[in-house]
Amino acid sequence: MTKKRTTKLTDQLRKAIDDCGQTRYEIAKQTGIDESALAKFYNGQRGVSMKALNALGEFLELKIVMGRKPSKKGK
């Protein structure tokens, strides 16, 4: 049986950045995120702050959909 693989949040953010139609330079400028910090995040070399994540989310008009599995307590 094959287990369904979930996509990491960072991979989803990178895809949203790719799909938005703007360069990382333009995104950095419009969100106030340091361009080198955004590039390092995009390339998987470092994370970004919660402030930067919020700015990216607003700029990219992202919506978080909760898909948590139910708890298995009591079994």
PDB file of N, CA and C in Angstrom:
ATOM      1  N   MET A   1       0.843  -1.173   0.000  1.00  0.00           N
ATOM      2  CA  MET A   1       0.000   0.000   0.000  1.00  0.00           C
ATOM      3  C   MET A   1       0.892   1.242   0.000  1.00  0.00           C
ATOM      4  N   THR A   2       0.631   2.167  -0.893  1.00  0.00           N
ATOM      5  CA  THR A   2       1.419   3.387  -0.993  1.00  0.00           C
ATOM      6  C   THR A   2       0.807   4.480  -0.128  1.00  0.00           C
ATOM      7  N   LYS A   3       1.656   5.112   0.657  1.00  0.00           N
ATOM      8  CA  LYS A   3       1.206   6.199   1.524  1.00  0.00           C
ATOM      9  C   LYS A   3       1.202   7.499   0.716  1.00  0.00           C
ATOM     10  N   LYS A   4       0.141   8.291   0.859  1.00  0.00           N
ATOM     11  CA  LYS A   4       0.048   9.555   0.147  1.00  0.00           C
ATOM     12  C   LYS A   4       1.102  10.513   0.696  1.00  0.00           C
ATOM     13  N   ARG A   5       1.905  11.060  -0.185  1.00  0.00           N
ATOM     14  CA  ARG A   5       2.957  11.977   0.219  1.00  0.00           C
ATOM     15  C   ARG A   5       2.404  13.392   0.265  1.00  0.00           C
ATOM     16  N   THR A   6       2.656  14.071   1.364  1.00  0.00           N
ATOM     17  CA  THR A   6       2.198  15.448   1.484  1.00  0.00           C
ATOM     18  C   THR A   6       3.288  16.393   1.026  1.00  0.00           C
ATOM     19  N   THR A   7       2.876  17.510   0.476  1.00  0.00           N
ATOM     20  CA  THR A   7       3.817  18.517   0.019  1.00  0.00           C
ATOM     21  C   THR A   7       4.150  19.429   1.187  1.00  0.00           C
ATOM     22  N   LYS A   8       5.427  19.673   1.388  1.00  0.00           N
ATOM     23  CA  LYS A   8       5.853  20.550   2.474  1.00  0.00           C
ATOM     24  C   LYS A   8       5.366  21.970   2.231  1.00  0.00           C
ATOM     25  N   LEU A   9       5.134  22.689   3.316  1.00  0.00           N
ATOM     26  CA  LEU A   9       4.692  24.075   3.234  1.00  0.00           C
ATOM     27  C   LEU A   9       5.708  24.920   2.464  1.00  0.00           C
ATOM     28  N   THR A  10       6.993  24.692   2.692  1.00  0.00           N
ATOM     29  CA  THR A  10       8.011  25.472   1.983  1.00  0.00           C
ATOM     30  C   THR A  10       7.955  25.227   0.478  1.00  0.00           C
ATOM     31  N   ASP A  11       7.692  23.988   0.086  1.00  0.00           N
ATOM     32  CA  ASP A  11       7.562  23.682  -1.342  1.00  0.00           C
ATOM     33  C   ASP A  11       6.333  24.373  -1.941  1.00  0.00           C
ATOM     34  N   GLN A  12       5.253  24.418  -1.163  1.00  0.00           N
ATOM     35  CA  GLN A  12       4.044  25.095  -1.626  1.00  0.00           C
ATOM     36  C   GLN A  12       4.300  26.598  -1.788  1.00  0.00           C
ATOM     37  N   LEU A  13       5.055  27.191  -0.861  1.00  0.00           N
ATOM     38  CA  LEU A  13       5.383  28.616  -0.967  1.00  0.00           C
ATOM     39  C   LEU A  13       6.247  28.887  -2.192  1.00  0.00           C
ATOM     40  N   ARG A  14       7.223  28.026  -2.432  1.00  0.00           N
ATOM     41  CA  ARG A  14       8.069  28.200  -3.619  1.00  0.00           C
ATOM     42  C   ARG A  14       7.226  28.127  -4.900  1.00  0.00           C
ATOM     43  N   LYS A  15       6.296  27.199  -4.935  1.00  0.00           N
ATOM     44  CA  LYS A  15       5.430  27.080  -6.110  1.00  0.00           C
ATOM     45  C   LYS A  15       4.573  28.331  -6.274  1.00  0.00           C
ATOM     46  N   ALA A  16       4.040  28.847  -5.174  1.00  0.00           N
ATOM     47  CA  ALA A  16       3.228  30.066  -5.235  1.00  0.00           C
ATOM     48  C   ALA A  16       4.065  31.241  -5.736  1.00  0.00           C
ATOM     49  N   ILE A  17       5.321  31.309  -5.307  1.00  0.00           N
ATOM     50  CA  ILE A  17       6.222  32.363  -5.786  1.00  0.00           C
ATOM     51  C   ILE A  17       6.429  32.204  -7.290  1.00  0.00           C
ATOM     52  N   ASP A  18       6.679  30.983  -7.738  1.00  0.00           N
ATOM     53  CA  ASP A  18       6.875  30.720  -9.173  1.00  0.00           C
ATOM     54  C   ASP A  18       5.631  31.078  -9.986  1.00  0.00           C
ATOM     55  N   ASP A  19       4.465  30.752  -9.440  1.00  0.00           N
ATOM     56  CA  ASP A  19       3.209  30.907 -10.179  1.00  0.00           C
ATOM     57  C   ASP A  19       2.648  32.333 -10.178  1.00  0.00           C
ATOM     58  N   CYS A  20       3.191  33.216  -9.336  1.00  0.00           N
ATOM     59  CA  CYS A  20       2.586  34.549  -9.202  1.00  0.00           C
ATOM     60  C   CYS A  20       2.894  35.476 -10.378  1.00  0.00           C
ATOM     61  N   GLY A  21       3.878  35.136 -11.206  1.00  0.00           N
ATOM     62  CA  GLY A  21       4.167  35.950 -12.385  1.00  0.00           C
ATOM     63  C   GLY A  21       5.089  37.130 -12.136  1.00  0.00           C
ATOM     64  N   GLN A  22       5.649  37.226 -10.927  1.00  0.00           N
ATOM     65  CA  GLN A  22       6.575  38.309 -10.631  1.00  0.00           C
ATOM     66  C   GLN A  22       7.923  37.719 -10.256  1.00  0.00           C
ATOM     67  N   THR A  23       8.952  38.528 -10.431  1.00  0.00           N
ATOM     68  CA  THR A  23      10.288  38.056 -10.078  1.00  0.00           C
ATOM     69  C   THR A  23      10.450  38.085  -8.561  1.00  0.00           C
ATOM     70  N   ARG A  24      11.423  37.332  -8.075  1.00  0.00           N
ATOM     71  CA  ARG A  24      11.703  37.362  -6.636  1.00  0.00           C
ATOM     72  C   ARG A  24      12.143  38.759  -6.214  1.00  0.00           C
ATOM     73  N   TYR A  25      12.829  39.471  -7.096  1.00  0.00           N
ATOM     74  CA  TYR A  25      13.227  40.850  -6.806  1.00  0.00           C
ATOM     75  C   TYR A  25      11.991  41.722  -6.576  1.00  0.00           C
ATOM     76  N   GLU A  26      11.009  41.603  -7.459  1.00  0.00           N
ATOM     77  CA  GLU A  26       9.776  42.393  -7.326  1.00  0.00           C
ATOM     78  C   GLU A  26       9.019  42.018  -6.058  1.00  0.00           C
ATOM     79  N   ILE A  27       8.973  40.726  -5.754  1.00  0.00           N
ATOM     80  CA  ILE A  27       8.288  40.260  -4.543  1.00  0.00           C
ATOM     81  C   ILE A  27       8.985  40.832  -3.310  1.00  0.00           C
ATOM     82  N   ALA A  28      10.308  40.744  -3.287  1.00  0.00           N
ATOM     83  CA  ALA A  28      11.070  41.267  -2.151  1.00  0.00           C
ATOM     84  C   ALA A  28      10.813  42.758  -1.965  1.00  0.00           C
ATOM     85  N   LYS A  29      10.831  43.484  -3.047  1.00  0.00           N
ATOM     86  CA  LYS A  29      10.635  44.931  -2.982  1.00  0.00           C
ATOM     87  C   LYS A  29       9.233  45.278  -2.470  1.00  0.00           C
ATOM     88  N   GLN A  30       8.223  44.572  -2.936  1.00  0.00           N
ATOM     89  CA  GLN A  30       6.844  44.881  -2.568  1.00  0.00           C
ATOM     90  C   GLN A  30       6.464  44.378  -1.172  1.00  0.00           C
ATOM     91  N   THR A  31       7.166  43.365  -0.674  1.00  0.00           N
ATOM     92  CA  THR A  31       6.840  42.826   0.647  1.00  0.00           C
ATOM     93  C   THR A  31       7.735  43.381   1.749  1.00  0.00           C
ATOM     94  N   GLY A  32       8.840  43.993   1.368  1.00  0.00           N
ATOM     95  CA  GLY A  32       9.779  44.496   2.367  1.00  0.00           C
ATOM     96  C   GLY A  32      10.723  43.426   2.886  1.00  0.00           C
ATOM     97  N   ILE A  33      10.694  42.254   2.275  1.00  0.00           N
ATOM     98  CA  ILE A  33      11.604  41.174   2.662  1.00  0.00           C
ATOM     99  C   ILE A  33      12.936  41.416   1.953  1.00  0.00           C
ATOM    100  N   ASP A  34      14.020  41.254   2.699  1.00  0.00           N
ATOM    101  CA  ASP A  34      15.345  41.413   2.108  1.00  0.00           C
ATOM    102  C   ASP A  34      15.493  40.449   0.933  1.00  0.00           C
ATOM    103  N   GLU A  35      15.973  40.966  -0.185  1.00  0.00           N
ATOM    104  CA  GLU A  35      16.066  40.141  -1.403  1.00  0.00           C
ATOM    105  C   GLU A  35      16.953  38.916  -1.201  1.00  0.00           C
ATOM    106  N   SER A  36      18.073  39.080  -0.507  1.00  0.00           N
ATOM    107  CA  SER A  36      18.962  37.930  -0.307  1.00  0.00           C
ATOM    108  C   SER A  36      18.320  36.910   0.635  1.00  0.00           C
ATOM    109  N   ALA A  37      17.551  37.375   1.631  1.00  0.00           N
ATOM    110  CA  ALA A  37      16.856  36.449   2.532  1.00  0.00           C
ATOM    111  C   ALA A  37      15.810  35.653   1.764  1.00  0.00           C
ATOM    112  N   LEU A  38      15.083  36.321   0.861  1.00  0.00           N
ATOM    113  CA  LEU A  38      14.081  35.630   0.053  1.00  0.00           C
ATOM    114  C   LEU A  38      14.748  34.613  -0.874  1.00  0.00           C
ATOM    115  N   ALA A  39      15.871  34.990  -1.465  1.00  0.00           N
ATOM    116  CA  ALA A  39      16.593  34.070  -2.352  1.00  0.00           C
ATOM    117  C   ALA A  39      17.097  32.849  -1.586  1.00  0.00           C
ATOM    118  N   LYS A  40      17.620  33.067  -0.391  1.00  0.00           N
ATOM    119  CA  LYS A  40      18.121  31.941   0.420  1.00  0.00           C
ATOM    120  C   LYS A  40      16.980  31.030   0.854  1.00  0.00           C
ATOM    121  N   PHE A  41      15.825  31.619   1.193  1.00  0.00           N
ATOM    122  CA  PHE A  41      14.658  30.802   1.522  1.00  0.00           C
ATOM    123  C   PHE A  41      14.245  29.985   0.306  1.00  0.00           C
ATOM    124  N   TYR A  42      14.129  30.641  -0.842  1.00  0.00           N
ATOM    125  CA  TYR A  42      13.684  29.990  -2.065  1.00  0.00           C
ATOM    126  C   TYR A  42      14.601  28.820  -2.428  1.00  0.00           C
ATOM    127  N   ASN A  43      15.901  28.999  -2.201  1.00  0.00           N
ATOM    128  CA  ASN A  43      16.878  27.963  -2.549  1.00  0.00           C
ATOM    129  C   ASN A  43      17.074  26.930  -1.437  1.00  0.00           C
ATOM    130  N   GLY A  44      16.299  27.039  -0.360  1.00  0.00           N
ATOM    131  CA  GLY A  44      16.366  26.055   0.717  1.00  0.00           C
ATOM    132  C   GLY A  44      17.562  26.198   1.626  1.00  0.00           C
ATOM    133  N   GLN A  45      18.199  27.359   1.617  1.00  0.00           N
ATOM    134  CA  GLN A  45      19.388  27.559   2.431  1.00  0.00           C
ATOM    135  C   GLN A  45      19.082  28.105   3.814  1.00  0.00           C
ATOM    136  N   ARG A  46      17.887  28.677   4.007  1.00  0.00           N
ATOM    137  CA  ARG A  46      17.499  29.192   5.321  1.00  0.00           C
ATOM    138  C   ARG A  46      15.994  29.426   5.362  1.00  0.00           C
ATOM    139  N   GLY A  47      15.492  29.631   6.554  1.00  0.00           N
ATOM    140  CA  GLY A  47      14.077  29.924   6.733  1.00  0.00           C
ATOM    141  C   GLY A  47      13.843  31.432   6.707  1.00  0.00           C
ATOM    142  N   VAL A  48      12.606  31.820   6.875  1.00  0.00           N
ATOM    143  CA  VAL A  48      12.264  33.234   6.983  1.00  0.00           C
ATOM    144  C   VAL A  48      11.456  33.451   8.255  1.00  0.00           C
ATOM    145  N   SER A  49      11.406  34.679   8.704  1.00  0.00           N
ATOM    146  CA  SER A  49      10.690  35.012   9.933  1.00  0.00           C
ATOM    147  C   SER A  49       9.180  34.914   9.737  1.00  0.00           C
ATOM    148  N   MET A  50       8.470  34.898  10.850  1.00  0.00           N
ATOM    149  CA  MET A  50       7.002  34.898  10.789  1.00  0.00           C
ATOM    150  C   MET A  50       6.506  36.171  10.108  1.00  0.00           C
ATOM    151  N   LYS A  51       7.177  37.277  10.355  1.00  0.00           N
ATOM    152  CA  LYS A  51       6.806  38.542   9.716  1.00  0.00           C
ATOM    153  C   LYS A  51       6.920  38.422   8.198  1.00  0.00           C
ATOM    154  N   ALA A  52       8.004  37.803   7.743  1.00  0.00           N
ATOM    155  CA  ALA A  52       8.204  37.609   6.305  1.00  0.00           C
ATOM    156  C   ALA A  52       7.171  36.633   5.739  1.00  0.00           C
ATOM    157  N   LEU A  53       6.863  35.569   6.485  1.00  0.00           N
ATOM    158  CA  LEU A  53       5.842  34.623   6.036  1.00  0.00           C
ATOM    159  C   LEU A  53       4.488  35.306   5.895  1.00  0.00           C
ATOM    160  N   ASN A  54       4.146  36.155   6.864  1.00  0.00           N
ATOM    161  CA  ASN A  54       2.888  36.898   6.780  1.00  0.00           C
ATOM    162  C   ASN A  54       2.877  37.819   5.569  1.00  0.00           C
ATOM    163  N   ALA A  55       3.998  38.502   5.325  1.00  0.00           N
ATOM    164  CA  ALA A  55       4.084  39.403   4.175  1.00  0.00           C
ATOM    165  C   ALA A  55       3.940  38.624   2.864  1.00  0.00           C
ATOM    166  N   LEU A  56       4.597  37.473   2.778  1.00  0.00           N
ATOM    167  CA  LEU A  56       4.475  36.630   1.577  1.00  0.00           C
ATOM    168  C   LEU A  56       3.044  36.149   1.389  1.00  0.00           C
ATOM    169  N   GLY A  57       2.440  35.692   2.470  1.00  0.00           N
ATOM    170  CA  GLY A  57       1.062  35.201   2.409  1.00  0.00           C
ATOM    171  C   GLY A  57       0.101  36.267   1.920  1.00  0.00           C
ATOM    172  N   GLU A  58       0.249  37.482   2.444  1.00  0.00           N
ATOM    173  CA  GLU A  58      -0.618  38.582   2.008  1.00  0.00           C
ATOM    174  C   GLU A  58      -0.366  38.938   0.549  1.00  0.00           C
ATOM    175  N   PHE A  59       0.906  39.057   0.187  1.00  0.00           N
ATOM    176  CA  PHE A  59       1.254  39.434  -1.177  1.00  0.00           C
ATOM    177  C   PHE A  59       0.759  38.402  -2.194  1.00  0.00           C
ATOM    178  N   LEU A  60       0.949  37.128  -1.855  1.00  0.00           N
ATOM    179  CA  LEU A  60       0.563  36.048  -2.774  1.00  0.00           C
ATOM    180  C   LEU A  60      -0.911  35.670  -2.647  1.00  0.00           C
ATOM    181  N   GLU A  61      -1.614  36.321  -1.718  1.00  0.00           N
ATOM    182  CA  GLU A  61      -3.030  36.063  -1.460  1.00  0.00           C
ATOM    183  C   GLU A  61      -3.275  34.585  -1.172  1.00  0.00           C
ATOM    184  N   LEU A  62      -2.458  34.058  -0.252  1.00  0.00           N
ATOM    185  CA  LEU A  62      -2.553  32.648   0.107  1.00  0.00           C
ATOM    186  C   LEU A  62      -3.579  32.433   1.199  1.00  0.00           C
ATOM    187  N   LYS A  63      -4.146  31.253   1.201  1.00  0.00           N
ATOM    188  CA  LYS A  63      -5.120  30.853   2.206  1.00  0.00           C
ATOM    189  C   LYS A  63      -4.671  29.502   2.751  1.00  0.00           C
ATOM    190  N   ILE A  64      -4.634  29.394   4.057  1.00  0.00           N
ATOM    191  CA  ILE A  64      -4.250  28.126   4.672  1.00  0.00           C
ATOM    192  C   ILE A  64      -5.502  27.285   4.862  1.00  0.00           C
ATOM    193  N   VAL A  65      -5.438  26.047   4.394  1.00  0.00           N
ATOM    194  CA  VAL A  65      -6.548  25.115   4.552  1.00  0.00           C
ATOM    195  C   VAL A  65      -6.082  24.048   5.520  1.00  0.00           C
ATOM    196  N   MET A  66      -6.822  23.915   6.613  1.00  0.00           N
ATOM    197  CA  MET A  66      -6.449  22.928   7.620  1.00  0.00           C
ATOM    198  C   MET A  66      -6.881  21.544   7.154  1.00  0.00           C
ATOM    199  N   GLY A  67      -5.972  20.628   7.214  1.00  0.00           N
ATOM    200  CA  GLY A  67      -6.274  19.268   6.787  1.00  0.00           C
ATOM    201  C   GLY A  67      -5.723  18.265   7.778  1.00  0.00           C
ATOM    202  N   ARG A  68      -5.849  18.560   9.056  1.00  0.00           N
ATOM    203  CA  ARG A  68      -5.302  17.681  10.074  1.00  0.00           C
ATOM    204  C   ARG A  68      -6.093  16.385  10.170  1.00  0.00           C
ATOM    205  N   LYS A  69      -5.364  15.337  10.480  1.00  0.00           N
ATOM    206  CA  LYS A  69      -6.013  14.045  10.682  1.00  0.00           C
ATOM    207  C   LYS A  69      -6.660  14.047  12.060  1.00  0.00           C
ATOM    208  N   PRO A  70      -7.768  13.354  12.217  1.00  0.00           N
ATOM    209  CA  PRO A  70      -8.408  13.272  13.532  1.00  0.00           C
ATOM    210  C   PRO A  70      -7.498  12.554  14.520  1.00  0.00           C
ATOM    211  N   SER A  71      -7.604  12.923  15.768  1.00  0.00           N
ATOM    212  CA  SER A  71      -6.812  12.316  16.822  1.00  0.00           C
ATOM    213  C   SER A  71      -7.216  10.855  17.013  1.00  0.00           C
ATOM    214  N   LYS A  72      -6.259  10.023  17.359  1.00  0.00           N
ATOM    215  CA  LYS A  72      -6.526   8.601  17.581  1.00  0.00           C
ATOM    216  C   LYS A  72      -6.618   8.277  19.079  1.00  0.00           C
ATOM    217  N   LYS A  73      -6.892   9.283  19.885  1.00  0.00           N
ATOM    218  CA  LYS A  73      -6.999   9.066  21.328  1.00  0.00           C
ATOM    219  C   LYS A  73      -8.173   8.121  21.623  1.00  0.00           C
ATOM    220  N   GLY A  74      -7.984   7.305  22.617  1.00  0.00           N
ATOM    221  CA  GLY A  74      -9.057   6.408  23.038  1.00  0.00           C
ATOM    222  C   GLY A  74      -9.065   5.070  22.343  1.00  0.00           C
ATOM    223  N   LYS A  75      -8.123   4.834  21.443  1.00  0.00           N
ATOM    224  CA  LYS A  75      -8.068   3.535  20.749  1.00  0.00           C
ATOM    225  C   LYS A  75      -7.089   2.614  21.419  1.00  0.00           C
TER     226      LYS A  75
END
